[in-house]
Each structure stands twice: as C-alpha cells, then as structure tokens.
Amino acid sequence: MYNEEAVLGLFAERVRPVLDGMDVGYEVVVVDDGSTDSTAARLLGLRRSWPELRVVRLRRNSGHQAALTAGLNCARGQWVVSIDADLQDPPEKIPEMFAMATERELDVVYGVRADRGSDSPLKRYTAAAYYRLMRRLVGKEMPAHAGDFRLLSRAAVDALRSLPEQQPVYRLLVPWLGFPSGEVTYVRESRAAGSTKYPLGKMVRLALDSITNFSAAPLRVATRLGVATMALCFVAVIFTFVSFLLGETVSGWASLTIAVLFLGAVQLICLGLAGEYLGRIYSAVQRRPTYFVAHDTHLTDAEPTPAGPTDLPAQPHLADDDPPFGENPGHRGNGAMPAAVGDRAS
C-alpha cells in the first residue's frame, strides 16, 4: 500500500469475508510502502477488530517490487498470495486459486486478466507490447497479462528469497523458476478509490528493469547498430570518393552535420546502454538493502521493544516454536492464505 487511505475500508470489507470463509488459518501482511497520508494510522486502527492483520511499515517509499520483496520475506504461510490494495484484482478469486493449487499440486497460480476494459487505450497498448516483449525474453511459459496477483507455495517463495536479485521483477522471476503453474482468469475492475500510484514514468522504468534484468539484448542491439553504422559510413566513403573522381563534389555543411549528429546519437545510445548495465553491476556489488522496515506489528506483539537502533531488520525473526500459518502441530499440508500486499499494480 502507498497512500491508500481512501480504499482501506473497502479493502477490509472485501478481503476479510473471503479469507474467514476459507476455514484455514491465515494472516494478512500489509506492506505500507512509506505512505505520507493516514494509511499507517488507519491500518493500526483496523488491527483492533481484525487480529489476523499484520502491518509492516517501510521507513521510506522503496517502490513496488521492493514492497513485494518485503511482503514475501515477512509472510509465514504455507501459501502466499500477493495482491494490491486498489481492488482491481478481485480477492474473491483467492479461494479458486487455492483450490486449484491444492487439487492439482501446483506451486504457482497466476491471476490472468481476461479483459482490460477499465484501462485507457494507451495503457492497453503499452501493456500488450510489454507482455509480447517479455515473452520473447523469458519464454512462452510467462502467461500474457499476468501481473503481480498470484498464489505461491512455500517452496516457490523460498526459491525467490534465495535469488541474489537486487532489483527483482517478480512477474518475470516467477515463471523463470519453472514451478508447476496454473491460471485463473478474471475481469480487471476499475480502481475502487483513490488515484493510481503507477504513472507512465514508473511503467517505463518497470519495462527497462525487466529487459536489463533478464537479457543482454540491448547491448547486442548497440553492437549491431554500431556495425550497421560503420557499414553505412563505408558506403558513404565510397560514394564520396567516386563523386570526387567524377568531379561532382560540392562542398556543403548539411551532409557533414547530419553525419556528425547521427554518429553522435549512436554513440550516446551505446554509452547509455552500457552505463545502464554498469550501474546495475555497481548496485549488485554494493549489496545495499532495497528497503528498511520501520515497524512490524508481529515483532512488537511477540516481544518487548528492544533498546538500541530503531530500524528493524529486513528479514523477520520468528520464534523456534512459532509454526507457519496453515501448518498445525502434528499435521502438515493444510494450506494457509496470507496476502502480502504491495503498493500498486500495472
């Protein structure tokens, strides 16, 4: 969640009856991604009547994928569903996803959008182009129009947590793992309340992260572009030499200016692509955490407030005798349904 005070009441009204009706133990992990409105205060108020609600507040706005990472790291269930607070992805589909996973022994169930009528024409076009490109990079195992609404088994969550990704893009990482998967389709609804937190700039950033995290194709494009430019220049040299021999050369600045600008643009593009990858290598070497937890109600409820630094660790610490949700002592295999909530969806 990020500045979602307007939708909190509706979110609780729709999510809680669904989870209460499933007859399994569950927790709802709400990741507050550094909201600046009253989201955090209202969440703490909701906890008074909803004990299964767990609030994890990040110290600053860290971004959508970082918030999802925090949710996956904190969720303790044998099954984990990620869903955004804007209710464009219907929580009523969670029981269907859970039933499909348990009956067919799947580790991943994707929520796939069967209709994007609530999106603008520009959003539909750019989303279609994004998924076509990503399927070429990752493979056809990536379902089209599957965002971050999905169900994961504990094995899939642990596999994701073991990856050394500094800037993860989960809609690509999850299908890349290759776990048995299924799909549940739904019609994407309009945002229940509030305004979108995922403008065009952030969508472009997500696309860039997706491409550079999963493929070196842009670097190869730069190489090919350089080779093509060199071939074009070679042809231009031959043309100029022949024109000189025929006495048809005319001194002029237009052709020279165009050539210089074209070559300069190609060089800048190549340098920019190389710099993008170099920057990611720099971030990976730094190993700087992508988020910091300022407050976790599970930890504060479980133990007294410790003296010392106020920042909580990024990884939650559970007691040795604290079993994961969905697993009763002496009995295994009973699924849980915690929902690790991110801040926005595209």
Protein backbone atom coordinates (compact mmCIF):
# COMPACT_ATOMS: atom_id res chain seq x y z
CA MET A 1 0.00 0.00 0.00
CA TYR A 2 1.10 3.53 -0.72
CA ASN A 3 -1.19 6.40 0.27
CA GLU A 4 -4.28 4.18 0.17
CA GLU A 5 -6.32 5.72 3.00
CA ALA A 6 -9.34 6.11 0.69
CA VAL A 7 -9.57 2.40 -0.13
CA LEU A 8 -8.74 0.79 3.24
CA GLY A 9 -12.33 0.37 4.40
CA LEU A 10 -13.41 -1.24 1.12
CA PHE A 11 -10.32 -3.45 1.12
CA ALA A 12 -11.12 -4.86 4.55
CA GLU A 13 -14.81 -5.30 3.69
CA ARG A 14 -13.98 -7.46 0.67
CA VAL A 15 -10.86 -9.34 1.78
CA ARG A 16 -11.78 -10.40 5.30
CA PRO A 17 -15.04 -12.28 4.47
CA VAL A 18 -13.23 -14.18 1.71
CA LEU A 19 -10.41 -15.34 4.00
CA ASP A 20 -12.68 -16.01 7.00
CA GLY A 21 -14.83 -18.23 4.79
CA MET A 22 -11.95 -20.46 3.71
CA ASP A 23 -11.73 -22.25 7.07
CA VAL A 24 -7.92 -22.10 7.23
CA GLY A 25 -5.54 -20.16 9.41
CA TYR A 26 -4.30 -17.02 7.69
CA GLU A 27 -2.58 -13.69 8.14
CA VAL A 28 -2.80 -10.58 6.01
CA VAL A 29 0.62 -8.94 5.68
CA VAL A 30 0.08 -5.33 4.68
CA VAL A 31 3.26 -3.63 3.47
CA ASP A 32 2.91 0.12 3.89
CA ASP A 33 5.45 1.46 1.41
CA GLY A 34 6.25 4.68 3.25
CA SER A 35 2.82 6.29 2.94
CA THR A 36 2.62 10.00 3.76
CA ASP A 37 -1.14 10.09 4.47
CA SER A 38 -3.09 8.38 7.26
CA THR A 39 -2.72 4.87 5.80
CA ALA A 40 -0.49 3.63 8.66
CA ALA A 41 -2.74 5.02 11.40
CA ARG A 42 -5.89 3.56 9.84
CA LEU A 43 -4.20 0.17 9.44
CA LEU A 44 -3.34 0.11 13.14
CA GLY A 45 -6.95 1.00 13.85
CA LEU A 46 -8.17 -1.92 11.72
CA ARG A 47 -5.99 -4.31 13.74
CA ARG A 48 -8.13 -3.76 16.81
CA SER A 49 -11.01 -5.63 15.17
CA TRP A 50 -9.00 -7.78 12.74
CA PRO A 51 -6.32 -9.70 14.69
CA GLU A 52 -5.08 -11.52 11.56
CA LEU A 53 -3.92 -8.19 10.12
CA ARG A 54 -0.17 -7.63 10.30
CA VAL A 55 1.25 -4.22 9.41
CA VAL A 56 4.79 -3.92 8.07
CA ARG A 57 5.71 -0.28 7.58
CA LEU A 58 8.73 0.60 5.47
CA ARG A 59 10.83 3.56 6.54
CA ARG A 60 10.58 5.23 3.11
CA ASN A 61 8.90 4.69 -0.23
CA SER A 62 11.03 1.93 -1.75
CA GLY A 63 8.97 1.02 -4.82
CA HIS A 64 6.53 -1.65 -5.88
CA GLN A 65 8.92 -4.60 -6.29
CA ALA A 66 10.78 -3.75 -3.06
CA ALA A 67 7.45 -3.71 -1.21
CA LEU A 68 6.61 -7.12 -2.68
CA THR A 69 10.03 -8.36 -1.54
CA ALA A 70 9.27 -7.18 1.99
CA GLY A 71 5.93 -8.99 1.90
CA LEU A 72 7.48 -12.25 0.69
CA ASN A 73 10.20 -12.03 3.34
CA CYS A 74 7.68 -11.46 6.12
CA ALA A 75 4.90 -13.87 5.07
CA ARG A 76 4.93 -17.09 7.13
CA GLY A 77 2.21 -19.07 5.40
CA GLN A 78 2.48 -22.34 3.52
CA TRP A 79 0.74 -20.48 0.70
CA VAL A 80 1.21 -16.80 -0.12
CA VAL A 81 -0.97 -14.57 -2.28
CA SER A 82 0.23 -11.15 -3.40
CA ILE A 83 -2.46 -8.59 -4.16
CA ASP A 84 -2.62 -4.81 -4.34
CA ALA A 85 -4.92 -2.70 -2.23
CA ASP A 86 -6.74 -0.94 -5.07
CA LEU A 87 -9.11 -3.93 -5.59
CA GLN A 88 -8.58 -4.02 -9.34
CA ASP A 89 -7.59 -7.64 -8.73
CA PRO A 90 -10.60 -9.32 -7.07
CA PRO A 91 -9.83 -11.01 -3.72
CA GLU A 92 -12.84 -13.27 -4.35
CA LYS A 93 -10.57 -15.26 -6.71
CA ILE A 94 -8.26 -16.33 -3.87
CA PRO A 95 -10.30 -19.45 -2.88
CA GLU A 96 -10.35 -20.56 -6.53
CA MET A 97 -6.59 -20.11 -6.79
CA PHE A 98 -6.04 -22.02 -3.54
CA ALA A 99 -8.33 -24.87 -4.61
CA MET A 100 -6.57 -25.19 -7.97
CA ALA A 101 -3.14 -25.27 -6.33
CA THR A 102 -4.06 -27.95 -3.79
CA GLU A 103 -6.13 -30.15 -6.10
CA ARG A 104 -3.64 -30.12 -8.99
CA GLU A 105 -0.49 -29.94 -6.82
CA LEU A 106 0.69 -26.65 -8.31
CA ASP A 107 3.25 -24.28 -6.83
CA VAL A 108 2.10 -21.18 -8.71
CA VAL A 109 -1.34 -19.97 -9.77
CA TYR A 110 -1.40 -16.77 -11.82
CA GLY A 111 -4.24 -14.30 -11.88
CA VAL A 112 -4.59 -13.55 -15.60
CA ARG A 113 -6.59 -10.55 -16.81
CA ALA A 114 -9.16 -11.68 -19.34
CA ASP A 115 -10.29 -8.13 -20.05
CA ARG A 116 -8.62 -4.74 -19.57
CA GLY A 117 -11.64 -2.63 -20.40
CA SER A 118 -11.06 -0.44 -17.35
CA ASP A 119 -7.65 0.65 -18.68
CA SER A 120 -7.10 3.56 -21.04
CA PRO A 121 -6.30 2.80 -24.71
CA LEU A 122 -2.69 3.86 -24.14
CA LYS A 123 -2.39 1.56 -21.11
CA ARG A 124 -3.84 -1.39 -23.03
CA TYR A 125 -1.49 -0.85 -25.98
CA THR A 126 1.64 -0.44 -23.87
CA ALA A 127 0.71 -3.43 -21.69
CA ALA A 128 0.22 -5.65 -24.76
CA ALA A 129 3.59 -4.54 -26.16
CA TYR A 130 5.27 -5.16 -22.80
CA TYR A 131 3.98 -8.72 -22.46
CA ARG A 132 4.88 -9.58 -26.07
CA LEU A 133 8.43 -8.41 -25.46
CA MET A 134 8.73 -10.16 -22.09
CA ARG A 135 7.50 -13.46 -23.50
CA ARG A 136 10.25 -13.26 -26.11
CA LEU A 137 12.83 -12.72 -23.38
CA VAL A 138 11.60 -15.17 -20.73
CA GLY A 139 9.75 -17.68 -22.90
CA LYS A 140 6.18 -18.69 -23.58
CA GLU A 141 5.85 -20.05 -20.02
CA MET A 142 5.21 -16.46 -18.96
CA PRO A 143 1.43 -16.01 -19.12
CA ALA A 144 0.23 -12.98 -21.01
CA HIS A 145 -1.44 -10.24 -18.94
CA ALA A 146 -0.42 -11.76 -15.60
CA GLY A 147 0.61 -9.04 -13.17
CA ASP A 148 1.55 -9.41 -9.51
CA PHE A 149 -1.72 -11.07 -8.42
CA ARG A 150 -0.61 -14.68 -7.88
CA LEU A 151 -0.52 -17.54 -5.42
CA LEU A 152 2.81 -19.12 -4.46
CA SER A 153 3.65 -22.22 -2.45
CA ARG A 154 6.20 -22.06 0.35
CA ALA A 155 8.71 -23.81 -1.93
CA ALA A 156 8.29 -21.11 -4.59
CA VAL A 157 8.59 -18.32 -2.00
CA ASP A 158 11.77 -19.82 -0.57
CA ALA A 159 13.21 -20.16 -4.09
CA LEU A 160 12.50 -16.48 -4.77
CA ARG A 161 14.06 -15.45 -1.48
CA SER A 162 17.21 -17.39 -2.29
CA LEU A 163 17.84 -15.44 -5.50
CA PRO A 164 20.51 -12.71 -5.29
CA GLU A 165 18.42 -10.17 -7.25
CA GLN A 166 18.97 -6.55 -6.23
CA GLN A 167 16.13 -5.22 -8.40
CA PRO A 168 13.72 -8.12 -8.79
CA VAL A 169 10.85 -8.12 -11.27
CA TYR A 170 8.64 -10.90 -9.94
CA ARG A 171 6.35 -11.20 -12.94
CA LEU A 172 9.45 -12.44 -14.80
CA LEU A 173 11.25 -14.26 -11.98
CA VAL A 174 8.30 -16.46 -11.02
CA PRO A 175 7.79 -18.07 -14.47
CA TRP A 176 11.57 -18.29 -14.89
CA LEU A 177 11.76 -20.62 -11.87
CA GLY A 178 9.77 -23.23 -13.77
CA PHE A 179 7.48 -24.44 -10.97
CA PRO A 180 4.24 -26.22 -11.97
CA SER A 181 1.67 -23.50 -12.56
CA GLY A 182 -1.93 -22.80 -13.48
CA GLU A 183 -4.05 -19.79 -14.36
CA VAL A 184 -7.24 -18.23 -13.05
CA THR A 185 -8.83 -15.61 -15.29
CA TYR A 186 -10.75 -12.55 -14.14
CA VAL A 187 -12.03 -9.24 -15.45
CA ARG A 188 -9.92 -6.34 -14.26
CA GLU A 189 -12.03 -3.78 -12.44
CA SER A 190 -11.64 -0.05 -12.06
CA ARG A 191 -9.76 1.24 -9.04
CA ALA A 192 -12.09 1.13 -6.03
CA ALA A 193 -10.99 4.51 -4.65
CA GLY A 194 -8.12 6.95 -4.78
CA SER A 195 -5.79 7.60 -7.70
CA THR A 196 -3.23 5.43 -9.45
CA LYS A 197 0.25 5.26 -7.95
CA TYR A 198 1.78 3.83 -11.12
CA PRO A 199 2.10 6.60 -13.74
CA LEU A 200 3.67 6.26 -17.18
CA GLY A 201 7.17 7.01 -15.91
CA LYS A 202 7.11 4.11 -13.46
CA MET A 203 5.72 1.77 -16.10
CA VAL A 204 8.61 2.69 -18.39
CA ARG A 205 11.01 2.07 -15.51
CA LEU A 206 9.47 -1.36 -14.92
CA ALA A 207 9.89 -2.24 -18.59
CA LEU A 208 13.52 -1.12 -18.51
CA ASP A 209 14.19 -3.13 -15.34
CA SER A 210 12.52 -6.16 -16.90
CA ILE A 211 14.65 -6.02 -20.04
CA THR A 212 18.01 -5.28 -18.42
CA ASN A 213 17.48 -7.79 -15.59
CA PHE A 214 16.72 -10.67 -17.93
CA SER A 215 18.58 -10.08 -21.15
CA ALA A 216 21.75 -8.63 -22.64
CA ALA A 217 19.82 -7.98 -25.87
CA PRO A 218 20.14 -4.16 -25.62
CA LEU A 219 23.92 -4.48 -25.59
CA ARG A 220 23.73 -6.70 -28.66
CA VAL A 221 21.46 -4.14 -30.31
CA ALA A 222 24.08 -1.47 -29.62
CA THR A 223 26.75 -3.67 -31.20
CA ARG A 224 24.61 -4.33 -34.25
CA LEU A 225 23.75 -0.67 -34.52
CA GLY A 226 27.44 0.19 -34.45
CA VAL A 227 28.21 -2.39 -37.17
CA ALA A 228 25.35 -1.08 -39.32
CA THR A 229 26.54 2.49 -38.86
CA MET A 230 30.09 1.51 -39.81
CA ALA A 231 28.77 -0.19 -42.97
CA LEU A 232 26.74 2.90 -43.81
CA CYS A 233 29.76 5.12 -43.35
CA PHE A 234 31.83 2.79 -45.56
CA VAL A 235 29.23 3.16 -48.34
CA ALA A 236 29.28 6.93 -47.86
CA VAL A 237 33.09 6.93 -48.21
CA ILE A 238 32.89 5.02 -51.50
CA PHE A 239 30.19 7.36 -52.80
CA THR A 240 32.24 10.41 -51.86
CA PHE A 241 35.40 9.01 -53.48
CA VAL A 242 33.55 8.21 -56.74
CA SER A 243 31.98 11.66 -56.75
CA PHE A 244 35.42 13.20 -56.30
CA LEU A 245 36.84 11.24 -59.24
CA LEU A 246 33.92 12.36 -61.40
CA GLY A 247 34.39 15.97 -60.36
CA GLU A 248 30.88 16.20 -58.91
CA THR A 249 31.79 17.02 -55.36
CA VAL A 250 30.19 20.12 -53.89
CA SER A 251 31.32 21.45 -50.57
CA GLY A 252 28.47 21.75 -48.12
CA TRP A 253 27.75 21.61 -44.45
CA ALA A 254 24.34 19.82 -44.45
CA SER A 255 25.62 16.32 -45.16
CA LEU A 256 28.51 16.73 -42.73
CA THR A 257 26.22 18.00 -39.96
CA ILE A 258 23.75 15.15 -40.46
CA ALA A 259 26.56 12.59 -40.37
CA VAL A 260 28.06 14.03 -37.18
CA LEU A 261 24.68 14.19 -35.42
CA PHE A 262 23.79 10.65 -36.49
CA LEU A 263 27.08 9.18 -35.34
CA GLY A 264 26.92 11.16 -32.09
CA ALA A 265 23.42 9.86 -31.37
CA VAL A 266 24.51 6.27 -31.97
CA GLN A 267 27.47 6.67 -29.66
CA LEU A 268 25.33 8.20 -26.90
CA ILE A 269 22.79 5.37 -27.18
CA CYS A 270 25.54 2.78 -26.91
CA LEU A 271 27.11 4.56 -23.95
CA GLY A 272 23.72 4.83 -22.25
CA LEU A 273 23.03 1.12 -22.63
CA ALA A 274 26.49 0.22 -21.33
CA GLY A 275 26.00 2.64 -18.43
CA GLU A 276 22.66 1.04 -17.52
CA TYR A 277 24.29 -2.36 -17.13
CA LEU A 278 27.31 -0.90 -15.37
CA GLY A 279 25.01 0.81 -12.89
CA ARG A 280 23.33 -2.49 -12.10
CA ILE A 281 26.70 -4.13 -11.54
CA TYR A 282 27.57 -1.27 -9.18
CA SER A 283 24.32 -1.77 -7.23
CA ALA A 284 24.93 -5.52 -7.02
CA VAL A 285 28.45 -5.01 -5.67
CA GLN A 286 27.17 -2.56 -3.04
CA ARG A 287 24.59 -5.11 -1.79
CA ARG A 288 22.59 -2.24 -0.31
CA PRO A 289 19.19 -3.37 1.07
CA THR A 290 16.28 -2.35 -1.12
CA TYR A 291 14.12 -1.49 1.89
CA PHE A 292 14.21 -0.93 5.65
CA VAL A 293 11.41 -1.98 7.97
CA ALA A 294 10.48 0.77 10.39
CA HIS A 295 7.73 -1.14 12.20
CA ASP A 296 6.36 -4.68 12.17
CA THR A 297 3.36 -5.39 14.38
CA HIS A 298 4.21 -9.11 14.51
CA LEU A 299 7.57 -8.38 16.14
CA THR A 300 6.24 -5.74 18.50
CA ASP A 301 3.41 -8.05 19.59
CA ALA A 302 5.72 -11.02 20.09
CA GLU A 303 8.43 -9.39 22.18
CA PRO A 304 9.16 -6.20 24.15
CA THR A 305 10.55 -3.24 22.30
CA PRO A 306 14.35 -3.69 22.28
CA ALA A 307 16.74 -0.96 23.27
CA GLY A 308 19.11 0.38 20.64
CA PRO A 309 18.59 1.20 16.96
CA THR A 310 15.01 1.72 15.84
CA ASP A 311 15.41 0.14 12.39
CA LEU A 312 14.11 -3.40 12.28
CA PRO A 313 15.94 -6.00 10.18
CA ALA A 314 14.71 -6.65 6.67
CA GLN A 315 14.33 -10.38 7.41
CA PRO A 316 11.71 -11.26 10.06
CA HIS A 317 12.86 -13.32 13.03
CA LEU A 318 10.40 -15.99 14.13
CA ALA A 319 10.45 -17.96 17.32
CA ASP A 320 11.61 -21.55 17.02
CA ASP A 321 8.24 -22.80 18.24
CA ASP A 322 6.21 -20.50 16.01
CA PRO A 323 4.84 -22.72 13.21
CA PRO A 324 3.97 -21.20 9.84
CA PHE A 325 0.33 -20.42 9.22
CA GLY A 326 -1.55 -23.32 7.67
CA GLU A 327 0.52 -25.92 9.49
CA ASN A 328 -0.83 -27.35 12.73
CA PRO A 329 1.49 -29.22 15.14
CA GLY A 330 1.48 -32.85 14.14
CA HIS A 331 -0.36 -32.18 10.89
CA ARG A 332 1.11 -30.98 7.60
CA GLY A 333 -0.30 -29.92 4.28
CA ASN A 334 -3.20 -27.74 5.44
CA GLY A 335 -2.84 -24.57 3.37
CA ALA A 336 -2.81 -21.01 4.63
CA MET A 337 -3.71 -17.86 2.78
CA PRO A 338 -1.67 -14.85 3.84
CA ALA A 339 -1.79 -11.95 1.40
CA ALA A 340 1.43 -9.97 1.05
CA VAL A 341 0.13 -6.63 -0.18
CA GLY A 342 2.24 -4.44 -2.47
CA ASP A 343 1.62 -0.80 -3.26
CA ARG A 344 0.37 -0.71 -6.86
CA ALA A 345 -0.19 -2.76 -9.96
CA SER A 346 0.28 -2.06 -13.66
